[in-house]
């Protein structure tokens, strides 16, 4: 069954080579998500991308829309928020005020619980105080997860999902890690011109202050979607292994079989 949840994917010339892998993992792990909006800067690139994927049927999700923000040179890194403000305004004004957010290098690493995502999406539309629903474990493990041990601080339930409420003073309370967002609440309470994505996360957390009740961020114990980000500051190249916990243990990595199958399909894996 096709999901009603719109998906916003932010991309740029610095990272748009990762779109093929994201599409591949979406097709494998969340094929129900079909209302895809790729938001970037170069219409010529989007035209080229359509032609490229036309040669490789089945790689691109069935319904992909391309939203051109403007000329890339007019939106340096320090103005990422200006780009995202345009995207949020467009989604809000086109009956997609609530959407699932991904960066182009957020590749899925396991089957998504799309039924759970649909439930959270409908719950979000009913509650106009929900700014974000974290779909991974970003909020669950904030502050080491101590506030949520043994079922503590369960805020609500939605179907088979336990909802936890983010603690406002916790680091990255306003995080761009994969989640459902309200465009209108982002525009009203978080986004200001002239900030990088990282600055929005830090300063946006501060702007929310102690408003935990009227502008809420929540998460779940079950993490309906698990992703890894390939491109990270401080890393010389892409990191497909996930995150290193020490003692040789890595978590949330891209499966090696998936990487090989992507290469076989002509997906760019640098």
Protein backbone atom coordinates (compact mmCIF):
# COMPACT_ATOMS: atom_id res chain seq x y z
CA UNK A 1 0.00 0.00 0.00
CA UNK A 2 1.34 3.44 -0.94
CA UNK A 3 2.04 5.65 2.06
CA UNK A 4 0.50 9.14 2.24
CA UNK A 5 3.65 10.54 3.86
CA UNK A 6 5.55 13.09 1.71
CA UNK A 7 9.33 12.73 1.80
CA UNK A 8 11.61 15.77 1.51
CA UNK A 9 15.18 15.05 0.43
CA UNK A 10 17.67 17.93 0.60
CA UNK A 11 20.57 17.73 -1.84
CA UNK A 12 23.35 19.89 -3.26
CA UNK A 13 26.11 19.63 -5.87
CA UNK A 14 28.51 18.64 -3.08
CA UNK A 15 26.60 15.48 -2.24
CA UNK A 16 24.04 14.73 -4.95
CA UNK A 17 26.00 11.68 -6.12
CA UNK A 18 24.52 9.93 -3.04
CA UNK A 19 20.95 10.16 -4.37
CA UNK A 20 21.25 6.88 -6.29
CA UNK A 21 22.09 4.98 -3.13
CA UNK A 22 19.34 6.68 -1.18
CA UNK A 23 16.81 5.81 -3.88
CA UNK A 24 18.08 2.21 -3.91
CA UNK A 25 17.71 1.85 -0.13
CA UNK A 26 14.29 3.53 -0.18
CA UNK A 27 13.12 1.11 -2.87
CA UNK A 28 14.37 -1.87 -0.87
CA UNK A 29 13.50 -0.84 2.67
CA UNK A 30 10.55 1.57 2.31
CA UNK A 31 8.93 0.99 -1.10
CA UNK A 32 5.60 2.33 0.16
CA UNK A 33 7.05 5.86 0.34
CA UNK A 34 6.27 7.25 -3.10
CA UNK A 35 5.57 10.97 -2.65
CA UNK A 36 9.23 11.98 -2.94
CA UNK A 37 10.39 15.61 -3.18
CA UNK A 38 14.07 16.11 -4.05
CA UNK A 39 14.99 19.70 -3.24
CA UNK A 40 18.13 21.19 -4.73
CA UNK A 41 19.57 24.01 -6.78
CA UNK A 42 20.29 23.02 -10.35
CA UNK A 43 17.38 22.22 -12.65
CA UNK A 44 19.86 21.00 -15.26
CA UNK A 45 21.08 18.38 -12.80
CA UNK A 46 17.53 17.18 -12.20
CA UNK A 47 16.94 16.86 -15.95
CA UNK A 48 20.14 14.85 -16.25
CA UNK A 49 19.14 12.69 -13.29
CA UNK A 50 15.81 11.82 -14.90
CA UNK A 51 17.58 10.70 -18.07
CA UNK A 52 20.12 8.69 -16.11
CA UNK A 53 17.48 6.84 -14.10
CA UNK A 54 15.38 6.29 -17.21
CA UNK A 55 18.23 4.02 -18.38
CA UNK A 56 17.98 2.07 -15.12
CA UNK A 57 14.27 1.33 -14.60
CA UNK A 58 13.24 0.53 -11.07
CA UNK A 59 16.03 2.45 -9.37
CA UNK A 60 14.14 5.69 -8.84
CA UNK A 61 10.92 5.57 -6.77
CA UNK A 62 7.81 5.78 -8.94
CA UNK A 63 6.85 9.32 -7.91
CA UNK A 64 9.78 11.71 -7.65
CA UNK A 65 9.26 15.45 -7.82
CA UNK A 66 12.09 17.95 -8.15
CA UNK A 67 11.94 21.32 -6.41
CA UNK A 68 14.50 23.88 -7.58
CA UNK A 69 15.44 26.31 -4.81
CA UNK A 70 17.61 28.65 -6.88
CA UNK A 71 21.19 29.07 -8.07
CA UNK A 72 23.60 27.15 -5.87
CA UNK A 73 26.12 30.01 -5.80
CA UNK A 74 23.45 32.23 -4.22
CA UNK A 75 23.05 29.82 -1.30
CA UNK A 76 26.42 29.21 0.38
CA UNK A 77 26.67 26.85 3.33
CA UNK A 78 26.04 29.79 5.68
CA UNK A 79 22.63 30.27 4.04
CA UNK A 80 21.39 26.68 4.19
CA UNK A 81 18.52 27.87 6.35
CA UNK A 82 17.40 30.23 3.56
CA UNK A 83 17.17 27.21 1.25
CA UNK A 84 15.22 25.18 3.76
CA UNK A 85 12.86 28.07 4.52
CA UNK A 86 11.91 28.06 0.81
CA UNK A 87 11.33 24.31 0.91
CA UNK A 88 9.17 24.50 4.05
CA UNK A 89 7.11 27.36 2.61
CA UNK A 90 6.52 25.37 -0.56
CA UNK A 91 5.50 22.21 1.30
CA UNK A 92 3.23 24.11 3.67
CA UNK A 93 1.54 25.94 0.80
CA UNK A 94 1.04 22.78 -1.24
CA UNK A 95 -0.87 20.62 1.23
CA UNK A 96 2.22 18.87 2.57
CA UNK A 97 2.76 20.70 5.83
CA UNK A 98 3.96 17.49 7.50
CA UNK A 99 6.74 15.53 5.85
CA UNK A 100 9.49 13.00 6.41
CA UNK A 101 12.91 14.65 6.18
CA UNK A 102 16.10 13.10 4.78
CA UNK A 103 19.43 14.44 3.61
CA UNK A 104 20.66 12.81 0.41
CA UNK A 105 23.35 10.82 2.23
CA UNK A 106 20.92 9.34 4.80
CA UNK A 107 20.82 5.78 3.47
CA UNK A 108 18.42 3.28 5.05
CA UNK A 109 20.05 0.27 6.71
CA UNK A 110 17.02 -1.94 7.45
CA UNK A 111 13.33 -2.39 6.63
CA UNK A 112 11.37 0.66 7.70
CA UNK A 113 8.20 0.26 9.72
CA UNK A 114 6.07 2.25 7.28
CA UNK A 115 2.87 1.29 9.07
CA UNK A 116 4.31 2.91 12.19
CA UNK A 117 5.43 5.97 10.22
CA UNK A 118 1.91 6.34 8.82
CA UNK A 119 0.45 6.18 12.34
CA UNK A 120 2.86 8.86 13.56
CA UNK A 121 2.11 11.02 10.53
CA UNK A 122 -1.63 10.90 11.21
CA UNK A 123 -1.03 11.61 14.90
CA UNK A 124 1.12 14.58 13.99
CA UNK A 125 -1.60 16.02 11.77
CA UNK A 126 -4.02 15.79 14.71
CA UNK A 127 -1.67 17.56 17.13
CA UNK A 128 -0.60 21.04 16.03
CA UNK A 129 1.98 21.29 18.81
CA UNK A 130 4.23 18.56 17.39
CA UNK A 131 7.27 20.09 15.71
CA UNK A 132 9.13 16.82 15.13
CA UNK A 133 8.70 13.10 15.56
CA UNK A 134 12.13 11.45 15.63
CA UNK A 135 11.92 8.24 13.61
CA UNK A 136 15.24 6.80 14.77
CA UNK A 137 16.83 6.71 18.25
CA UNK A 138 18.20 10.25 18.42
CA UNK A 139 15.83 11.27 21.24
CA UNK A 140 15.74 7.87 22.92
CA UNK A 141 19.51 7.91 23.45
CA UNK A 142 19.82 11.63 24.28
CA UNK A 143 21.64 12.10 27.60
CA UNK A 144 22.65 8.46 27.40
CA UNK A 145 19.04 7.33 27.40
CA UNK A 146 18.86 7.65 31.20
CA UNK A 147 15.49 9.44 31.22
CA UNK A 148 13.82 6.58 29.33
CA UNK A 149 15.19 3.46 31.01
CA UNK A 150 12.79 0.64 31.90
CA UNK A 151 9.81 2.37 30.31
CA UNK A 152 10.21 5.64 32.19
CA UNK A 153 8.73 8.84 30.76
CA UNK A 154 6.52 7.19 28.16
CA UNK A 155 4.46 10.11 26.90
CA UNK A 156 1.80 8.28 24.89
CA UNK A 157 1.22 5.26 22.67
CA UNK A 158 0.25 5.18 19.03
CA UNK A 159 -0.68 1.72 17.82
CA UNK A 160 2.31 -0.52 18.50
CA UNK A 161 4.63 2.43 19.22
CA UNK A 162 5.61 3.92 22.57
CA UNK A 163 6.03 7.71 22.33
CA UNK A 164 8.66 9.49 24.42
CA UNK A 165 8.88 13.24 24.85
CA UNK A 166 12.24 14.90 24.24
CA UNK A 167 13.78 16.70 27.19
CA UNK A 168 14.15 20.33 26.05
CA UNK A 169 17.63 20.97 27.54
CA UNK A 170 19.02 17.79 25.97
CA UNK A 171 21.67 18.23 23.25
CA UNK A 172 20.24 18.50 19.72
CA UNK A 173 16.64 18.66 20.94
CA UNK A 174 16.12 20.30 17.53
CA UNK A 175 17.93 17.81 15.32
CA UNK A 176 17.75 17.21 11.58
CA UNK A 177 18.22 13.48 12.06
CA UNK A 178 15.56 11.53 10.18
CA UNK A 179 12.06 12.39 11.34
CA UNK A 180 8.63 13.79 10.60
CA UNK A 181 8.49 17.60 10.70
CA UNK A 182 5.85 20.31 10.72
CA UNK A 183 6.81 22.95 8.15
CA UNK A 184 4.64 25.61 9.78
CA UNK A 185 6.14 25.09 13.24
CA UNK A 186 9.67 25.09 11.81
CA UNK A 187 8.93 28.40 10.09
CA UNK A 188 7.29 29.93 13.15
CA UNK A 189 9.71 28.83 15.86
CA UNK A 190 13.02 27.51 14.53
CA UNK A 191 14.18 28.73 11.14
CA UNK A 192 15.87 32.09 10.63
CA UNK A 193 17.89 33.25 7.60
CA UNK A 194 21.66 33.03 7.51
CA UNK A 195 22.41 29.76 9.32
CA UNK A 196 24.07 26.48 8.42
CA UNK A 197 22.20 23.23 9.07
CA UNK A 198 24.41 22.63 12.11
CA UNK A 199 23.73 26.12 13.46
CA UNK A 200 19.99 25.54 13.14
CA UNK A 201 20.29 22.39 15.24
CA UNK A 202 22.20 24.18 18.02
CA UNK A 203 20.60 27.62 17.90
CA UNK A 204 17.20 26.17 17.05
CA UNK A 205 17.37 24.07 20.21
CA UNK A 206 18.06 27.31 22.11
CA UNK A 207 15.21 29.15 20.39
CA UNK A 208 12.78 26.48 21.55
CA UNK A 209 13.98 27.16 25.08
CA UNK A 210 11.73 25.56 27.66
CA UNK A 211 8.71 25.33 25.36
CA UNK A 212 8.38 21.58 25.77
CA UNK A 213 4.61 21.65 25.97
CA UNK A 214 3.47 23.98 23.18
CA UNK A 215 6.21 23.14 20.61
CA UNK A 216 7.06 19.50 21.18
CA UNK A 217 9.69 17.09 19.90
CA UNK A 218 8.95 13.43 20.49
CA UNK A 219 10.47 10.10 19.57
CA UNK A 220 9.69 6.42 19.98
CA UNK A 221 11.21 3.41 21.68
CA UNK A 222 10.88 1.31 18.52
CA UNK A 223 12.68 3.50 15.90
CA UNK A 224 10.51 2.97 12.78
CA UNK A 225 13.36 4.01 10.49
CA UNK A 226 17.09 3.48 10.85
CA UNK A 227 19.56 5.34 8.63
CA UNK A 228 23.25 6.13 8.49
CA UNK A 229 24.85 9.28 7.08
CA UNK A 230 27.76 8.72 4.74
CA UNK A 231 29.31 12.19 4.62
CA UNK A 232 30.53 13.55 7.94
CA UNK A 233 32.67 16.50 8.89
CA UNK A 234 36.10 15.42 10.03
CA UNK A 235 36.04 12.25 7.91
CA UNK A 236 38.27 12.13 4.84
CA UNK A 237 35.73 10.17 2.80
CA UNK A 238 32.46 8.28 2.97
CA UNK A 239 31.77 6.08 5.97
CA UNK A 240 29.72 3.03 5.05
CA UNK A 241 30.50 1.09 8.23
CA UNK A 242 28.21 3.18 10.42
CA UNK A 243 29.45 4.40 13.80
CA UNK A 244 32.38 3.04 15.77
CA UNK A 245 31.59 2.18 19.38
CA UNK A 246 35.10 0.99 20.19
CA UNK A 247 36.58 -2.49 20.56
CA UNK A 248 36.03 -3.06 16.86
CA UNK A 249 32.24 -2.76 17.10
CA UNK A 250 30.35 -0.78 14.47
CA UNK A 251 26.62 -0.06 14.39
CA UNK A 252 24.14 1.20 11.76
CA UNK A 253 26.39 0.38 8.82
CA UNK A 254 25.39 -0.33 5.23
CA UNK A 255 25.30 -4.06 4.61
CA UNK A 256 28.15 -5.18 2.36
CA UNK A 257 25.72 -7.25 0.29
CA UNK A 258 23.67 -4.10 -0.31
CA UNK A 259 26.78 -2.21 -1.43
CA UNK A 260 27.68 -4.95 -3.90
CA UNK A 261 24.14 -5.08 -5.28
CA UNK A 262 24.17 -1.28 -5.69
CA UNK A 263 27.40 -1.47 -7.69
CA UNK A 264 25.90 -4.22 -9.86
CA UNK A 265 22.96 -1.91 -10.61
CA UNK A 266 25.25 0.95 -11.53
CA UNK A 267 24.61 2.95 -8.35
CA UNK A 268 27.52 5.25 -7.52
CA UNK A 269 29.38 4.02 -4.43
CA UNK A 270 32.54 6.04 -4.04
